[in-house]
Amino acid sequence: MTCVVIPTYDEKDNVTPMAEAVLAQGEDIHILFVDDNSPDGTGEVIDSLAEKNERVHCLHRTKKEGLGRAYVAGFMKAMELGADDVIQMDCDFSHNPKDIARLLAVNADLVIGSRYVKGGSTPGWPFKRRLISRAGGVFIRTVTGMPIADPTGGFKRWRRAALEKMDLPSVESSGYSFQLEMNHRAWKRGLEIAETPISFTDRERGYSKITPGIALESIKIALKLRFGGK
């Protein structure tokens, strides 16, 4: 079974179309939303979906603790549900559910949907955003040594066996730098990492959770990983 893990916070307009789009990718695919007590009623919408479809699951958390904490909880719950493969993705359709098959088709422990390998793209992004993202990737690769073109990408497929080696309870990053820390852990453990091209677009509904501090957070975690990361 493949379980698609999606953290949510104020995504009530996205969860229904996202669930429909993900489940349409195969009968063996389940979806697990990890909701951090969204004040807009996202959790209630997901519960309604779960009542109608046994392939929809929701992990309710009492408060907003960050993307990293939500994914750690979601990964552990996905394995508890019996997942052989775990996919992580955003709820705002910046990741295309149709690319799930692309991630599953690659034979590797960790497959990253990459914006920056040949064939990948970021349509609609202004030049400044592309420049900052590219420069951040160069900095991370230089500091950590990881040979990953898109080290902060959030559309990934993990084999269950790979996640079992990650020591999930000890993951330190609570925010978006979780992506970087998990990639680094996989690389340091000698797991096979592959990248496959995707197009990353801006959300159509809701509001972005990205803040200016995310870039600084990534810089800090990259330096920490370089000088003593697990």
Protein backbone atom coordinates (compact mmCIF):
# COMPACT_ATOMS: atom_id res chain seq x y z
CA MET A 1 0.00 0.00 0.00
CA THR A 2 1.12 3.56 -0.74
CA CYS A 3 0.20 6.26 1.75
CA VAL A 4 0.31 9.92 0.74
CA VAL A 5 0.97 12.08 3.81
CA ILE A 6 -0.22 15.69 3.62
CA PRO A 7 0.06 18.17 6.51
CA THR A 8 -2.78 20.69 6.67
CA TYR A 9 -3.43 24.00 8.36
CA ASP A 10 -6.32 26.14 7.09
CA GLU A 11 -6.73 24.13 3.87
CA LYS A 12 -10.48 23.45 3.95
CA ASP A 13 -10.91 24.52 0.30
CA ASN A 14 -8.17 22.19 -0.88
CA VAL A 15 -8.62 18.92 1.01
CA THR A 16 -11.63 17.62 -0.92
CA PRO A 17 -10.24 18.15 -4.44
CA MET A 18 -6.83 16.95 -3.25
CA ALA A 19 -8.26 13.73 -1.81
CA GLU A 20 -10.14 13.08 -5.04
CA ALA A 21 -7.06 13.74 -7.17
CA VAL A 22 -4.74 11.57 -5.05
CA LEU A 23 -7.09 8.61 -4.78
CA ALA A 24 -7.64 8.71 -8.54
CA GLN A 25 -3.99 7.74 -9.01
CA GLY A 26 -4.55 4.11 -8.00
CA GLU A 27 -6.70 1.77 -5.94
CA ASP A 28 -3.75 0.89 -3.70
CA ILE A 29 -3.22 4.53 -2.69
CA HIS A 30 -4.40 5.91 0.64
CA ILE A 31 -4.22 9.51 1.82
CA LEU A 32 -3.38 10.64 5.34
CA PHE A 33 -3.99 14.25 6.28
CA VAL A 34 -2.17 15.52 9.35
CA ASP A 35 -4.18 18.45 10.64
CA ASP A 36 -2.80 20.80 13.27
CA ASN A 37 -6.18 21.84 14.69
CA SER A 38 -6.94 24.22 11.81
CA PRO A 39 -9.24 27.02 12.98
CA ASP A 40 -11.02 27.13 9.59
CA GLY A 41 -12.56 23.67 10.06
CA THR A 42 -10.20 21.70 7.81
CA GLY A 43 -10.22 18.78 10.22
CA GLU A 44 -13.99 18.47 10.15
CA VAL A 45 -14.00 18.43 6.35
CA ILE A 46 -11.42 15.63 6.36
CA ASP A 47 -13.43 13.63 8.90
CA SER A 48 -16.43 13.87 6.59
CA LEU A 49 -14.32 12.56 3.70
CA ALA A 50 -12.99 9.71 5.85
CA GLU A 51 -16.51 8.63 6.78
CA LYS A 52 -17.29 8.15 3.09
CA ASN A 53 -14.02 6.54 1.97
CA GLU A 54 -11.88 4.06 3.92
CA ARG A 55 -8.79 5.18 1.99
CA VAL A 56 -8.95 8.64 3.57
CA HIS A 57 -7.42 9.06 7.03
CA CYS A 58 -6.87 12.00 9.36
CA LEU A 59 -4.40 12.41 12.18
CA HIS A 60 -5.63 15.23 14.41
CA ARG A 61 -3.02 17.14 16.39
CA THR A 62 -3.89 19.56 19.17
CA LYS A 63 -1.80 22.52 18.02
CA LYS A 64 0.37 23.88 15.25
CA GLU A 65 3.95 22.69 15.84
CA GLY A 66 5.47 23.08 12.40
CA LEU A 67 5.81 21.13 9.18
CA GLY A 68 8.58 18.87 10.47
CA ARG A 69 6.67 17.70 13.53
CA ALA A 70 3.58 17.08 11.40
CA TYR A 71 5.52 14.95 8.92
CA VAL A 72 7.23 12.90 11.63
CA ALA A 73 3.85 12.11 13.16
CA GLY A 74 2.39 11.40 9.72
CA PHE A 75 5.19 9.08 8.66
CA MET A 76 4.87 7.04 11.83
CA LYS A 77 1.09 6.83 11.42
CA ALA A 78 1.44 5.82 7.75
CA MET A 79 3.69 2.93 8.71
CA GLU A 80 1.23 1.97 11.44
CA LEU A 81 -1.45 1.81 8.74
CA GLY A 82 0.75 -0.65 6.83
CA ALA A 83 2.28 1.52 4.11
CA ASP A 84 5.09 0.04 2.02
CA ASP A 85 5.75 3.39 0.33
CA VAL A 86 5.15 6.82 1.84
CA ILE A 87 4.76 9.94 -0.28
CA GLN A 88 4.92 13.44 1.15
CA MET A 89 3.41 16.41 -0.65
CA ASP A 90 1.73 19.78 -0.19
CA CYS A 91 -2.03 20.28 -0.04
CA ASP A 92 -2.17 23.38 -2.26
CA PHE A 93 -1.66 21.65 -5.65
CA SER A 94 1.81 23.13 -6.09
CA HIS A 95 2.67 19.41 -6.33
CA ASN A 96 0.68 17.65 -9.03
CA PRO A 97 -0.97 14.42 -7.81
CA LYS A 98 -0.48 12.96 -11.30
CA ASP A 99 3.27 12.95 -10.58
CA ILE A 100 2.78 10.34 -7.83
CA ALA A 101 3.21 7.62 -10.45
CA ARG A 102 6.47 9.26 -11.53
CA LEU A 103 7.84 9.01 -7.98
CA LEU A 104 6.72 5.42 -7.54
CA ALA A 105 8.30 4.34 -10.83
CA VAL A 106 11.86 5.14 -9.71
CA ASN A 107 13.78 2.35 -7.98
CA ALA A 108 15.44 4.08 -5.01
CA ASP A 109 15.13 4.37 -1.24
CA LEU A 110 14.22 8.06 -1.52
CA VAL A 111 12.89 9.69 -4.66
CA ILE A 112 12.76 13.50 -4.77
CA GLY A 113 10.43 15.31 -7.15
CA SER A 114 12.95 17.85 -8.37
CA ARG A 115 12.46 21.34 -9.78
CA TYR A 116 16.09 21.55 -10.81
CA VAL A 117 17.04 18.40 -12.71
CA LYS A 118 16.57 18.28 -16.48
CA GLY A 119 12.86 18.49 -17.24
CA GLY A 120 11.92 20.12 -13.93
CA SER A 121 10.45 23.62 -13.81
CA THR A 122 8.92 26.39 -11.71
CA PRO A 123 6.37 28.00 -14.06
CA GLY A 124 5.14 31.42 -13.01
CA TRP A 125 7.98 32.13 -10.60
CA PRO A 126 9.52 35.62 -10.82
CA PHE A 127 13.25 35.88 -11.50
CA LYS A 128 14.07 36.92 -7.91
CA ARG A 129 12.37 33.88 -6.43
CA ARG A 130 14.16 31.54 -8.84
CA LEU A 131 17.48 33.20 -8.05
CA ILE A 132 17.04 32.89 -4.27
CA SER A 133 15.95 29.26 -4.55
CA ARG A 134 18.83 28.33 -6.86
CA ALA A 135 21.38 30.16 -4.71
CA GLY A 136 20.06 28.42 -1.62
CA GLY A 137 20.52 25.05 -3.29
CA VAL A 138 24.10 25.88 -4.24
CA PHE A 139 24.84 26.99 -0.67
CA ILE A 140 23.35 23.82 0.82
CA ARG A 141 25.23 21.52 -1.57
CA THR A 142 28.49 23.38 -0.90
CA VAL A 143 28.15 23.33 2.89
CA THR A 144 26.77 19.81 3.37
CA GLY A 145 28.33 18.01 0.40
CA MET A 146 24.99 16.42 -0.55
CA PRO A 147 24.80 15.79 -4.31
CA ILE A 148 21.14 16.77 -4.54
CA ALA A 149 19.94 19.32 -7.11
CA ASP A 150 16.78 20.22 -5.15
CA PRO A 151 17.67 19.73 -1.46
CA THR A 152 14.65 21.63 -0.12
CA GLY A 153 11.96 20.10 -2.34
CA GLY A 154 8.97 18.69 -0.48
CA PHE A 155 7.49 16.19 -2.96
CA LYS A 156 9.12 12.85 -2.14
CA ARG A 157 8.62 9.11 -1.97
CA TRP A 158 10.15 7.08 0.83
CA ARG A 159 10.38 3.33 1.03
CA ARG A 160 9.18 2.07 4.36
CA ALA A 161 12.57 0.45 5.03
CA ALA A 162 14.26 3.81 4.47
CA LEU A 163 12.01 5.61 6.95
CA GLU A 164 12.65 2.89 9.51
CA LYS A 165 16.34 3.84 9.37
CA MET A 166 15.72 7.58 9.90
CA ASP A 167 15.26 7.49 13.70
CA LEU A 168 12.23 9.74 13.26
CA PRO A 169 11.70 10.64 16.95
CA SER A 170 15.13 12.31 17.02
CA VAL A 171 14.50 14.62 14.02
CA GLU A 172 15.18 18.16 15.25
CA SER A 173 13.75 20.41 12.54
CA SER A 174 10.21 21.52 13.23
CA GLY A 175 9.85 23.80 10.20
CA TYR A 176 10.62 23.65 6.49
CA SER A 177 14.27 22.75 7.14
CA PHE A 178 12.86 19.29 7.91
CA GLN A 179 13.26 18.56 4.18
CA LEU A 180 16.97 19.30 4.33
CA GLU A 181 17.57 17.36 7.54
CA MET A 182 15.81 14.25 6.25
CA ASN A 183 17.74 14.32 2.97
CA HIS A 184 20.97 14.63 4.92
CA ARG A 185 20.08 11.71 7.18
CA ALA A 186 19.29 9.53 4.17
CA TRP A 187 22.55 10.51 2.46
CA LYS A 188 24.68 9.94 5.58
CA ARG A 189 23.12 6.49 6.00
CA GLY A 190 24.14 5.52 2.49
CA LEU A 191 20.60 5.19 1.17
CA GLU A 192 19.99 5.37 -2.56
CA ILE A 193 18.61 8.81 -3.45
CA ALA A 194 17.21 9.68 -6.87
CA GLU A 195 15.61 12.78 -8.36
CA THR A 196 12.88 12.88 -10.99
CA PRO A 197 11.67 16.07 -12.71
CA ILE A 198 8.44 17.81 -11.68
CA SER A 199 6.81 21.17 -12.32
CA PHE A 200 6.22 23.18 -9.16
CA THR A 201 3.46 25.78 -9.44
CA ASP A 202 2.01 28.34 -7.03
CA ARG A 203 -1.09 27.50 -4.99
CA GLU A 204 -4.51 28.34 -6.44
CA ARG A 205 -6.51 28.52 -3.18
CA GLY A 206 -5.77 29.52 0.39
CA TYR A 207 -2.74 31.39 1.68
CA SER A 208 0.95 30.56 1.73
CA LYS A 209 2.59 29.46 4.99
CA ILE A 210 6.05 30.52 3.74
CA THR A 211 7.75 33.22 5.83
CA PRO A 212 10.98 35.24 5.34
CA GLY A 213 12.59 33.29 8.17
CA ILE A 214 12.53 30.02 6.22
CA ALA A 215 15.68 30.86 4.23
CA LEU A 216 17.56 31.72 7.44
CA GLU A 217 16.33 28.50 9.03
CA SER A 218 17.71 26.48 6.10
CA ILE A 219 21.09 28.21 6.35
CA LYS A 220 21.31 27.46 10.06
CA ILE A 221 20.39 23.79 9.69
CA ALA A 222 22.81 23.36 6.77
CA LEU A 223 25.68 24.66 8.89
CA LYS A 224 24.61 22.49 11.82
CA LEU A 225 24.49 19.39 9.62
CA ARG A 226 27.90 20.20 8.18
CA PHE A 227 29.49 20.38 11.60
CA GLY A 228 27.99 17.38 13.33
CA GLY A 229 24.75 16.33 11.66
CA LYS A 230 23.42 12.83 12.19
